[in-house]
Amino acid sequence: MGCDEKCIRQVSQYLNAPVGKLAFDVGGNISATLSNSTVTGFATIVLSLAKLSKTPQFGRNIEDEVVVRQWIEYIACYGRCLESSSSRRVLEELNDVLSSGAYFVGNYQTLADVVIYYILYNVMLGLTLQEKEQYQHLSRWFANMQQDPALRQKNRLLVFSRIPLYS
């Protein structure tokens, strides 16, 4: 899916923060109408949606918020690579980060996890069990994230093996 209209709409629905009209300019940049103003750029739109949300999405302190913003910028930059041969490198980086924690920021779900879940959904959908096993920590995180029906929305539950099958 990448950083596209569908991802923004899913984030909007999850956060219960209505996104207005979405449009693309000639350069391919996405913009949205939020609270009677136009916001341009994937990262700016999802961060603005989170601010409109009634539930906290930026972590528990200012340091968490900075890291959440960094992850949103990271996935906005590298999310496009997930549709190319470079996807393996991005998945390896995400897997490495999750080797030392349950979530991308601290030990609790933030906006970074929500956005990365939606961006990775089609990638994870396309992986075989053997390929998912190569990204053990990312697969554990994804399997956990998808258990929330509000987050999953209409996405189907993906299958993950709890024990190594291809070691």
N, C-alpha and C. Protein backbone atom coordinates (compact mmCIF):
# COMPACT_ATOMS: atom_id res chain seq x y z
N MET A 1 0.83 -1.18 0.00
CA MET A 1 0.00 0.00 0.00
C MET A 1 0.87 1.25 0.00
N GLY A 2 1.87 1.29 0.83
CA GLY A 2 2.72 2.46 0.89
C GLY A 2 2.02 3.64 1.55
N CYS A 3 2.62 4.79 1.39
CA CYS A 3 2.09 6.03 1.99
C CYS A 3 1.08 6.64 1.04
N ASP A 4 -0.12 6.11 1.02
CA ASP A 4 -1.09 6.54 0.03
C ASP A 4 -2.42 6.92 0.67
N GLU A 5 -3.39 7.18 -0.18
CA GLU A 5 -4.71 7.61 0.25
C GLU A 5 -5.37 6.57 1.17
N LYS A 6 -5.26 5.29 0.82
CA LYS A 6 -5.90 4.24 1.63
C LYS A 6 -5.32 4.23 3.04
N CYS A 7 -4.02 4.37 3.15
CA CYS A 7 -3.37 4.38 4.47
C CYS A 7 -3.87 5.57 5.29
N ILE A 8 -3.94 6.73 4.68
CA ILE A 8 -4.41 7.92 5.39
C ILE A 8 -5.85 7.73 5.86
N ARG A 9 -6.68 7.17 5.00
CA ARG A 9 -8.08 6.95 5.38
C ARG A 9 -8.20 5.95 6.53
N GLN A 10 -7.36 4.91 6.53
CA GLN A 10 -7.40 3.93 7.62
C GLN A 10 -6.92 4.56 8.93
N VAL A 11 -5.86 5.35 8.86
CA VAL A 11 -5.38 6.05 10.06
C VAL A 11 -6.47 6.98 10.57
N SER A 12 -7.10 7.70 9.66
CA SER A 12 -8.19 8.62 10.02
C SER A 12 -9.32 7.89 10.72
N GLN A 13 -9.72 6.76 10.17
CA GLN A 13 -10.81 5.98 10.77
C GLN A 13 -10.41 5.46 12.15
N TYR A 14 -9.19 4.93 12.26
CA TYR A 14 -8.74 4.39 13.54
C TYR A 14 -8.71 5.49 14.62
N LEU A 15 -8.23 6.67 14.24
CA LEU A 15 -8.11 7.77 15.19
C LEU A 15 -9.44 8.50 15.42
N ASN A 16 -10.44 8.13 14.63
CA ASN A 16 -11.73 8.81 14.69
C ASN A 16 -11.55 10.32 14.50
N ALA A 17 -10.70 10.65 13.54
CA ALA A 17 -10.41 12.04 13.18
C ALA A 17 -10.70 12.18 11.69
N PRO A 18 -11.80 12.82 11.34
CA PRO A 18 -12.20 12.86 9.94
C PRO A 18 -11.20 13.58 9.04
N VAL A 19 -10.89 12.92 7.95
CA VAL A 19 -10.03 13.54 6.94
C VAL A 19 -10.96 14.03 5.84
N GLY A 20 -10.73 15.23 5.41
CA GLY A 20 -11.56 15.79 4.34
C GLY A 20 -11.15 15.25 2.99
N LYS A 21 -11.24 16.09 2.02
CA LYS A 21 -10.90 15.73 0.65
C LYS A 21 -9.39 15.49 0.53
N LEU A 22 -9.03 14.38 -0.12
CA LEU A 22 -7.63 14.08 -0.40
C LEU A 22 -7.38 14.32 -1.88
N ALA A 23 -6.24 14.91 -2.20
CA ALA A 23 -5.90 15.19 -3.60
C ALA A 23 -4.40 15.05 -3.80
N PHE A 24 -4.02 14.77 -5.04
CA PHE A 24 -2.61 14.68 -5.41
C PHE A 24 -2.29 15.81 -6.36
N ASP A 25 -1.13 16.45 -6.16
CA ASP A 25 -0.71 17.49 -7.11
C ASP A 25 0.08 16.85 -8.24
N VAL A 26 0.56 17.67 -9.16
CA VAL A 26 1.29 17.19 -10.33
C VAL A 26 2.55 16.41 -9.92
N GLY A 27 3.18 16.80 -8.84
CA GLY A 27 4.39 16.12 -8.36
C GLY A 27 4.11 14.85 -7.59
N GLY A 28 2.84 14.51 -7.40
CA GLY A 28 2.49 13.30 -6.68
C GLY A 28 2.36 13.47 -5.18
N ASN A 29 2.46 14.71 -4.71
CA ASN A 29 2.31 14.98 -3.27
C ASN A 29 0.84 14.95 -2.90
N ILE A 30 0.55 14.32 -1.79
CA ILE A 30 -0.84 14.22 -1.33
C ILE A 30 -1.14 15.37 -0.39
N SER A 31 -2.36 15.89 -0.49
CA SER A 31 -2.80 16.93 0.43
C SER A 31 -4.21 16.60 0.91
N ALA A 32 -4.53 17.11 2.08
CA ALA A 32 -5.84 16.84 2.69
C ALA A 32 -6.41 18.13 3.26
N THR A 33 -7.72 18.18 3.31
CA THR A 33 -8.41 19.29 3.95
C THR A 33 -8.79 18.83 5.35
N LEU A 34 -8.20 19.48 6.34
CA LEU A 34 -8.47 19.16 7.75
C LEU A 34 -8.86 20.44 8.47
N SER A 35 -10.02 20.45 9.06
CA SER A 35 -10.50 21.61 9.82
C SER A 35 -10.37 22.90 9.00
N ASN A 36 -10.84 22.87 7.78
CA ASN A 36 -10.86 24.04 6.88
C ASN A 36 -9.50 24.56 6.47
N SER A 37 -8.45 23.76 6.62
CA SER A 37 -7.14 24.15 6.11
C SER A 37 -6.54 22.98 5.33
N THR A 38 -5.66 23.31 4.40
CA THR A 38 -5.04 22.28 3.58
C THR A 38 -3.69 21.90 4.16
N VAL A 39 -3.48 20.61 4.29
CA VAL A 39 -2.22 20.07 4.83
C VAL A 39 -1.62 19.20 3.74
N THR A 40 -0.33 19.37 3.47
CA THR A 40 0.32 18.64 2.39
C THR A 40 1.43 17.73 2.92
N GLY A 41 1.50 16.54 2.36
CA GLY A 41 2.54 15.57 2.72
C GLY A 41 2.00 14.49 3.63
N PHE A 42 2.38 13.25 3.34
CA PHE A 42 1.88 12.11 4.10
C PHE A 42 2.12 12.27 5.60
N ALA A 43 3.37 12.54 5.98
CA ALA A 43 3.71 12.63 7.41
C ALA A 43 2.94 13.76 8.08
N THR A 44 2.86 14.90 7.43
CA THR A 44 2.15 16.04 8.00
C THR A 44 0.67 15.73 8.19
N ILE A 45 0.08 15.03 7.23
CA ILE A 45 -1.34 14.68 7.33
C ILE A 45 -1.60 13.75 8.51
N VAL A 46 -0.82 12.66 8.63
CA VAL A 46 -1.09 11.71 9.73
C VAL A 46 -0.78 12.33 11.09
N LEU A 47 0.23 13.18 11.17
CA LEU A 47 0.52 13.86 12.43
C LEU A 47 -0.62 14.82 12.79
N SER A 48 -1.16 15.50 11.79
CA SER A 48 -2.29 16.41 12.03
C SER A 48 -3.54 15.64 12.45
N LEU A 49 -3.77 14.48 11.85
CA LEU A 49 -4.91 13.64 12.24
C LEU A 49 -4.78 13.22 13.70
N ALA A 50 -3.56 12.86 14.10
CA ALA A 50 -3.34 12.43 15.48
C ALA A 50 -3.62 13.57 16.46
N LYS A 51 -3.30 14.79 16.07
CA LYS A 51 -3.59 15.93 16.95
C LYS A 51 -5.09 16.18 17.07
N LEU A 52 -5.84 15.83 16.01
CA LEU A 52 -7.30 15.98 16.05
C LEU A 52 -7.97 14.87 16.86
N SER A 53 -7.26 13.77 17.04
CA SER A 53 -7.80 12.62 17.75
C SER A 53 -7.96 12.92 19.23
N LYS A 54 -8.93 12.27 19.83
CA LYS A 54 -9.18 12.47 21.26
C LYS A 54 -8.32 11.54 22.13
N THR A 55 -7.64 10.59 21.50
CA THR A 55 -6.79 9.67 22.26
C THR A 55 -5.32 10.01 22.03
N PRO A 56 -4.51 9.96 23.06
CA PRO A 56 -3.09 10.29 22.91
C PRO A 56 -2.38 9.28 22.01
N GLN A 57 -1.61 9.78 21.08
CA GLN A 57 -0.92 8.92 20.12
C GLN A 57 0.59 9.15 20.08
N PHE A 58 1.08 10.10 20.87
CA PHE A 58 2.48 10.49 20.77
C PHE A 58 3.35 9.98 21.91
N GLY A 59 2.86 9.04 22.69
CA GLY A 59 3.67 8.52 23.78
C GLY A 59 3.39 9.25 25.08
N ARG A 60 4.30 9.08 26.02
CA ARG A 60 4.05 9.58 27.37
C ARG A 60 4.83 10.84 27.73
N ASN A 61 5.78 11.24 26.88
CA ASN A 61 6.55 12.44 27.18
C ASN A 61 7.08 13.03 25.88
N ILE A 62 7.78 14.14 25.99
CA ILE A 62 8.26 14.85 24.79
C ILE A 62 9.28 14.01 24.01
N GLU A 63 10.08 13.22 24.72
CA GLU A 63 11.05 12.37 24.03
C GLU A 63 10.33 11.33 23.17
N ASP A 64 9.27 10.75 23.71
CA ASP A 64 8.47 9.79 22.94
C ASP A 64 7.90 10.45 21.69
N GLU A 65 7.38 11.67 21.86
CA GLU A 65 6.78 12.36 20.72
C GLU A 65 7.81 12.59 19.62
N VAL A 66 9.02 12.95 20.00
CA VAL A 66 10.08 13.16 19.01
C VAL A 66 10.36 11.86 18.25
N VAL A 67 10.44 10.75 18.97
CA VAL A 67 10.71 9.46 18.33
C VAL A 67 9.54 9.04 17.44
N VAL A 68 8.31 9.28 17.88
CA VAL A 68 7.14 8.97 17.05
C VAL A 68 7.24 9.75 15.75
N ARG A 69 7.53 11.04 15.84
CA ARG A 69 7.65 11.87 14.63
C ARG A 69 8.76 11.35 13.71
N GLN A 70 9.88 10.91 14.30
CA GLN A 70 10.97 10.36 13.49
C GLN A 70 10.53 9.11 12.75
N TRP A 71 9.78 8.23 13.42
CA TRP A 71 9.30 7.01 12.76
C TRP A 71 8.32 7.33 11.64
N ILE A 72 7.48 8.33 11.84
CA ILE A 72 6.54 8.72 10.79
C ILE A 72 7.32 9.23 9.57
N GLU A 73 8.33 10.05 9.81
CA GLU A 73 9.16 10.55 8.70
C GLU A 73 9.91 9.39 8.03
N TYR A 74 10.42 8.47 8.83
CA TYR A 74 11.14 7.31 8.28
C TYR A 74 10.23 6.53 7.33
N ILE A 75 9.04 6.19 7.80
CA ILE A 75 8.17 5.35 6.98
C ILE A 75 7.62 6.14 5.79
N ALA A 76 7.49 7.45 5.93
CA ALA A 76 7.08 8.27 4.78
C ALA A 76 8.16 8.25 3.71
N CYS A 77 9.43 8.25 4.13
CA CYS A 77 10.54 8.21 3.17
C CYS A 77 10.75 6.82 2.59
N TYR A 78 10.75 5.80 3.45
CA TYR A 78 11.11 4.46 3.00
C TYR A 78 9.92 3.56 2.69
N GLY A 79 8.71 4.02 2.97
CA GLY A 79 7.52 3.24 2.67
C GLY A 79 7.39 2.91 1.20
N ARG A 80 7.86 3.80 0.35
CA ARG A 80 7.82 3.55 -1.10
C ARG A 80 8.74 2.40 -1.49
N CYS A 81 9.80 2.20 -0.74
CA CYS A 81 10.76 1.12 -1.03
C CYS A 81 10.14 -0.25 -0.81
N LEU A 82 9.06 -0.31 -0.07
CA LEU A 82 8.44 -1.60 0.23
C LEU A 82 7.80 -2.22 -1.00
N GLU A 83 7.65 -1.44 -2.05
CA GLU A 83 7.07 -1.95 -3.28
C GLU A 83 8.15 -2.24 -4.31
N SER A 84 9.40 -2.31 -3.88
CA SER A 84 10.51 -2.55 -4.81
C SER A 84 11.43 -3.64 -4.26
N SER A 85 12.52 -3.84 -4.95
CA SER A 85 13.49 -4.86 -4.52
C SER A 85 14.21 -4.43 -3.24
N SER A 86 14.10 -3.18 -2.86
CA SER A 86 14.73 -2.69 -1.63
C SER A 86 13.94 -3.02 -0.38
N SER A 87 12.78 -3.65 -0.53
CA SER A 87 11.91 -3.90 0.62
C SER A 87 12.61 -4.75 1.68
N ARG A 88 13.44 -5.67 1.27
CA ARG A 88 14.13 -6.55 2.22
C ARG A 88 14.94 -5.73 3.23
N ARG A 89 15.63 -4.71 2.76
CA ARG A 89 16.46 -3.90 3.64
C ARG A 89 15.60 -3.15 4.68
N VAL A 90 14.48 -2.60 4.23
CA VAL A 90 13.59 -1.88 5.15
C VAL A 90 13.01 -2.85 6.18
N LEU A 91 12.58 -4.02 5.74
CA LEU A 91 12.03 -5.02 6.67
C LEU A 91 13.08 -5.47 7.68
N GLU A 92 14.33 -5.62 7.23
CA GLU A 92 15.41 -5.99 8.14
C GLU A 92 15.64 -4.91 9.20
N GLU A 93 15.61 -3.65 8.78
CA GLU A 93 15.80 -2.54 9.73
C GLU A 93 14.68 -2.52 10.77
N LEU A 94 13.44 -2.67 10.31
CA LEU A 94 12.31 -2.67 11.24
C LEU A 94 12.40 -3.87 12.19
N ASN A 95 12.79 -5.02 11.66
CA ASN A 95 12.95 -6.22 12.48
C ASN A 95 14.02 -6.01 13.55
N ASP A 96 15.14 -5.39 13.17
CA ASP A 96 16.22 -5.13 14.13
C ASP A 96 15.75 -4.23 15.27
N VAL A 97 14.99 -3.20 14.94
CA VAL A 97 14.50 -2.28 15.97
C VAL A 97 13.60 -3.02 16.95
N LEU A 98 12.74 -3.89 16.43
CA LEU A 98 11.80 -4.61 17.29
C LEU A 98 12.44 -5.77 18.05
N SER A 99 13.71 -6.06 17.79
CA SER A 99 14.38 -7.13 18.53
C SER A 99 14.58 -6.76 20.00
N SER A 100 14.51 -5.47 20.30
CA SER A 100 14.74 -5.04 21.68
C SER A 100 13.52 -4.39 22.33
N GLY A 101 12.36 -4.52 21.71
CA GLY A 101 11.17 -3.93 22.30
C GLY A 101 9.90 -4.45 21.66
N ALA A 102 8.80 -4.25 22.35
CA ALA A 102 7.51 -4.73 21.85
C ALA A 102 6.91 -3.80 20.80
N TYR A 103 7.25 -2.51 20.88
CA TYR A 103 6.71 -1.51 19.96
C TYR A 103 7.85 -0.63 19.47
N PHE A 104 7.55 0.25 18.54
CA PHE A 104 8.60 1.11 17.98
C PHE A 104 9.03 2.20 18.95
N VAL A 105 8.13 2.63 19.83
CA VAL A 105 8.46 3.67 20.81
C VAL A 105 8.04 3.16 22.19
N GLY A 106 8.99 2.86 23.02
CA GLY A 106 8.68 2.39 24.37
C GLY A 106 8.01 1.03 24.36
N ASN A 107 7.24 0.78 25.38
CA ASN A 107 6.54 -0.50 25.53
C ASN A 107 5.04 -0.33 25.41
N TYR A 108 4.63 0.56 24.54
CA TYR A 108 3.21 0.82 24.32
C TYR A 108 3.01 1.30 22.89
N GLN A 109 1.81 1.09 22.41
CA GLN A 109 1.48 1.44 21.04
C GLN A 109 1.36 2.96 20.89
N THR A 110 1.91 3.47 19.79
CA THR A 110 1.81 4.89 19.46
C THR A 110 1.38 5.04 18.00
N LEU A 111 1.29 6.27 17.57
CA LEU A 111 0.96 6.56 16.18
C LEU A 111 1.95 5.90 15.22
N ALA A 112 3.20 5.80 15.62
CA ALA A 112 4.20 5.15 14.77
C ALA A 112 3.80 3.71 14.46
N ASP A 113 3.38 2.98 15.46
CA ASP A 113 2.95 1.59 15.26
C ASP A 113 1.72 1.51 14.36
N VAL A 114 0.78 2.40 14.57
CA VAL A 114 -0.45 2.41 13.77
C VAL A 114 -0.13 2.62 12.30
N VAL A 115 0.65 3.64 12.01
CA VAL A 115 0.97 3.97 10.61
C VAL A 115 1.80 2.87 9.97
N ILE A 116 2.79 2.36 10.69
CA ILE A 116 3.63 1.30 10.13
C ILE A 116 2.81 0.04 9.89
N TYR A 117 1.87 -0.27 10.77
CA TYR A 117 0.99 -1.43 10.55
C TYR A 117 0.26 -1.30 9.21
N TYR A 118 -0.37 -0.15 8.97
CA TYR A 118 -1.13 0.02 7.73
C TYR A 118 -0.23 -0.01 6.50
N ILE A 119 0.94 0.55 6.61
CA ILE A 119 1.85 0.56 5.46
C ILE A 119 2.39 -0.84 5.18
N LEU A 120 2.62 -1.62 6.22
CA LEU A 120 3.17 -2.97 6.04
C LEU A 120 2.13 -4.03 5.71
N TYR A 121 0.86 -3.73 5.87
CA TYR A 121 -0.16 -4.77 5.72
C TYR A 121 -0.02 -5.55 4.40
N ASN A 122 0.01 -4.87 3.28
CA ASN A 122 0.09 -5.58 2.00
C ASN A 122 1.41 -6.31 1.82
N VAL A 123 2.47 -5.78 2.39
CA VAL A 123 3.77 -6.46 2.32
C VAL A 123 3.69 -7.77 3.09
N MET A 124 3.18 -7.71 4.32
CA MET A 124 3.07 -8.92 5.15
C MET A 124 2.09 -9.92 4.54
N LEU A 125 1.04 -9.42 3.92
CA LEU A 125 0.07 -10.27 3.24
C LEU A 125 0.74 -11.08 2.14
N GLY A 126 1.71 -10.49 1.47
CA GLY A 126 2.38 -11.15 0.35
C GLY A 126 3.52 -12.07 0.74
N LEU A 127 3.92 -12.09 2.01
CA LEU A 127 5.03 -12.94 2.44
C LEU A 127 4.55 -14.36 2.74
N THR A 128 5.38 -15.32 2.42
CA THR A 128 5.10 -16.71 2.80
C THR A 128 5.45 -16.89 4.28
N LEU A 129 5.03 -18.01 4.87
CA LEU A 129 5.40 -18.28 6.26
C LEU A 129 6.91 -18.32 6.43
N GLN A 130 7.59 -18.87 5.45
CA GLN A 130 9.05 -18.94 5.50
C GLN A 130 9.66 -17.54 5.49
N GLU A 131 9.15 -16.67 4.65
CA GLU A 131 9.66 -15.29 4.61
C GLU A 131 9.33 -14.55 5.90
N LYS A 132 8.14 -14.75 6.44
CA LYS A 132 7.78 -14.10 7.70
C LYS A 132 8.72 -14.54 8.82
N GLU A 133 9.13 -15.80 8.79
CA GLU A 133 10.02 -16.32 9.82
C GLU A 133 11.37 -15.62 9.81
N GLN A 134 11.80 -15.13 8.65
CA GLN A 134 13.06 -14.40 8.56
C GLN A 134 13.01 -13.08 9.33
N TYR A 135 11.80 -12.56 9.52
CA TYR A 135 11.59 -11.31 10.24
C TYR A 135 10.83 -11.61 11.53
N GLN A 136 11.46 -12.39 12.39
CA GLN A 136 10.83 -12.91 13.60
C GLN A 136 10.20 -11.81 14.47
N HIS A 137 10.96 -10.76 14.73
CA HIS A 137 10.48 -9.72 15.64
C HIS A 137 9.39 -8.86 14.98
N LEU A 138 9.57 -8.57 13.72
CA LEU A 138 8.56 -7.82 12.97
C LEU A 138 7.27 -8.62 12.88
N SER A 139 7.39 -9.91 12.65
CA SER A 139 6.20 -10.78 12.58
C SER A 139 5.49 -10.85 13.93
N ARG A 140 6.25 -10.95 15.02
CA ARG A 140 5.65 -10.96 16.36
C ARG A 140 4.88 -9.67 16.60
N TRP A 141 5.52 -8.54 16.26
CA TRP A 141 4.87 -7.24 16.43
C TRP A 141 3.60 -7.15 15.59
N PHE A 142 3.69 -7.56 14.32
CA PHE A 142 2.54 -7.46 13.42
C PHE A 142 1.40 -8.35 13.90
N ALA A 143 1.72 -9.57 14.30
CA ALA A 143 0.70 -10.50 14.80
C ALA A 143 -0.01 -9.91 16.02
N ASN A 144 0.74 -9.24 16.87
CA ASN A 144 0.15 -8.59 18.05
C ASN A 144 -0.72 -7.40 17.64
N MET A 145 -0.22 -6.57 16.76
CA MET A 145 -0.96 -5.37 16.34
C MET A 145 -2.31 -5.73 15.71
N GLN A 146 -2.32 -6.76 14.89
CA GLN A 146 -3.55 -7.09 14.16
C GLN A 146 -4.65 -7.66 15.05
N GLN A 147 -4.34 -7.94 16.31
CA GLN A 147 -5.36 -8.47 17.22
C GLN A 147 -6.37 -7.41 17.64
N ASP A 148 -6.06 -6.15 17.43
CA ASP A 148 -6.97 -5.06 17.77
C ASP A 148 -7.95 -4.86 16.61
N PRO A 149 -9.23 -5.24 16.79
CA PRO A 149 -10.20 -5.11 15.69
C PRO A 149 -10.37 -3.68 15.20
N ALA A 150 -10.25 -2.70 16.10
CA ALA A 150 -10.39 -1.30 15.69
C ALA A 150 -9.25 -0.90 14.76
N LEU A 151 -8.07 -1.42 15.01
CA LEU A 151 -6.92 -1.14 14.15
C LEU A 151 -7.02 -1.93 12.85
N ARG A 152 -7.36 -3.19 12.96
CA ARG A 152 -7.41 -4.07 11.79
C ARG A 152 -8.48 -3.62 10.79
N GLN A 153 -9.58 -3.10 11.29
CA GLN A 153 -10.70 -2.66 10.45
C GLN A 153 -11.15 -3.79 9.54
N LYS A 154 -11.11 -3.60 8.23
CA LYS A 154 -11.57 -4.63 7.29
C LYS A 154 -10.44 -5.53 6.81
N ASN A 155 -9.23 -5.29 7.28
CA ASN A 155 -8.11 -6.15 6.90
C ASN A 155 -8.32 -7.52 7.53
N ARG A 156 -7.95 -8.56 6.81
CA ARG A 156 -8.11 -9.90 7.38
C ARG A 156 -6.92 -10.23 8.28
N LEU A 157 -7.16 -11.15 9.20
CA LEU A 157 -6.08 -11.62 10.07
C LEU A 157 -5.08 -12.41 9.25
N LEU A 158 -3.82 -12.10 9.38
CA LEU A 158 -2.78 -12.85 8.68
C LEU A 158 -2.27 -13.97 9.57
N VAL A 159 -1.82 -15.03 8.95
CA VAL A 159 -1.34 -16.21 9.67
C VAL A 159 0.16 -16.08 9.93
N PHE A 160 0.55 -16.34 11.17
CA PHE A 160 1.95 -16.37 11.57
C PHE A 160 2.18 -17.64 12.37
N SER A 161 3.34 -18.24 12.21
CA SER A 161 3.67 -19.44 12.96
C SER A 161 4.31 -19.04 14.29
N ARG A 162 3.91 -19.70 15.36
CA ARG A 162 4.47 -19.39 16.67
C ARG A 162 5.77 -20.15 16.92
N ILE A 163 6.00 -21.20 16.15
CA ILE A 163 7.23 -21.97 16.31
C ILE A 163 7.98 -21.95 14.98
N PRO A 164 9.30 -21.95 15.03
CA PRO A 164 10.08 -21.95 13.78
C PRO A 164 9.84 -23.22 12.97
N LEU A 165 9.51 -23.05 11.72
CA LEU A 165 9.26 -24.19 10.84
C LEU A 165 10.39 -24.42 9.85
N TYR A 166 11.16 -23.38 9.57
CA TYR A 166 12.15 -23.45 8.49
C TYR A 166 13.57 -23.20 8.96
N SER A 167 13.86 -23.35 10.22
CA SER A 167 15.20 -23.06 10.74
C SER A 167 16.24 -24.01 10.23
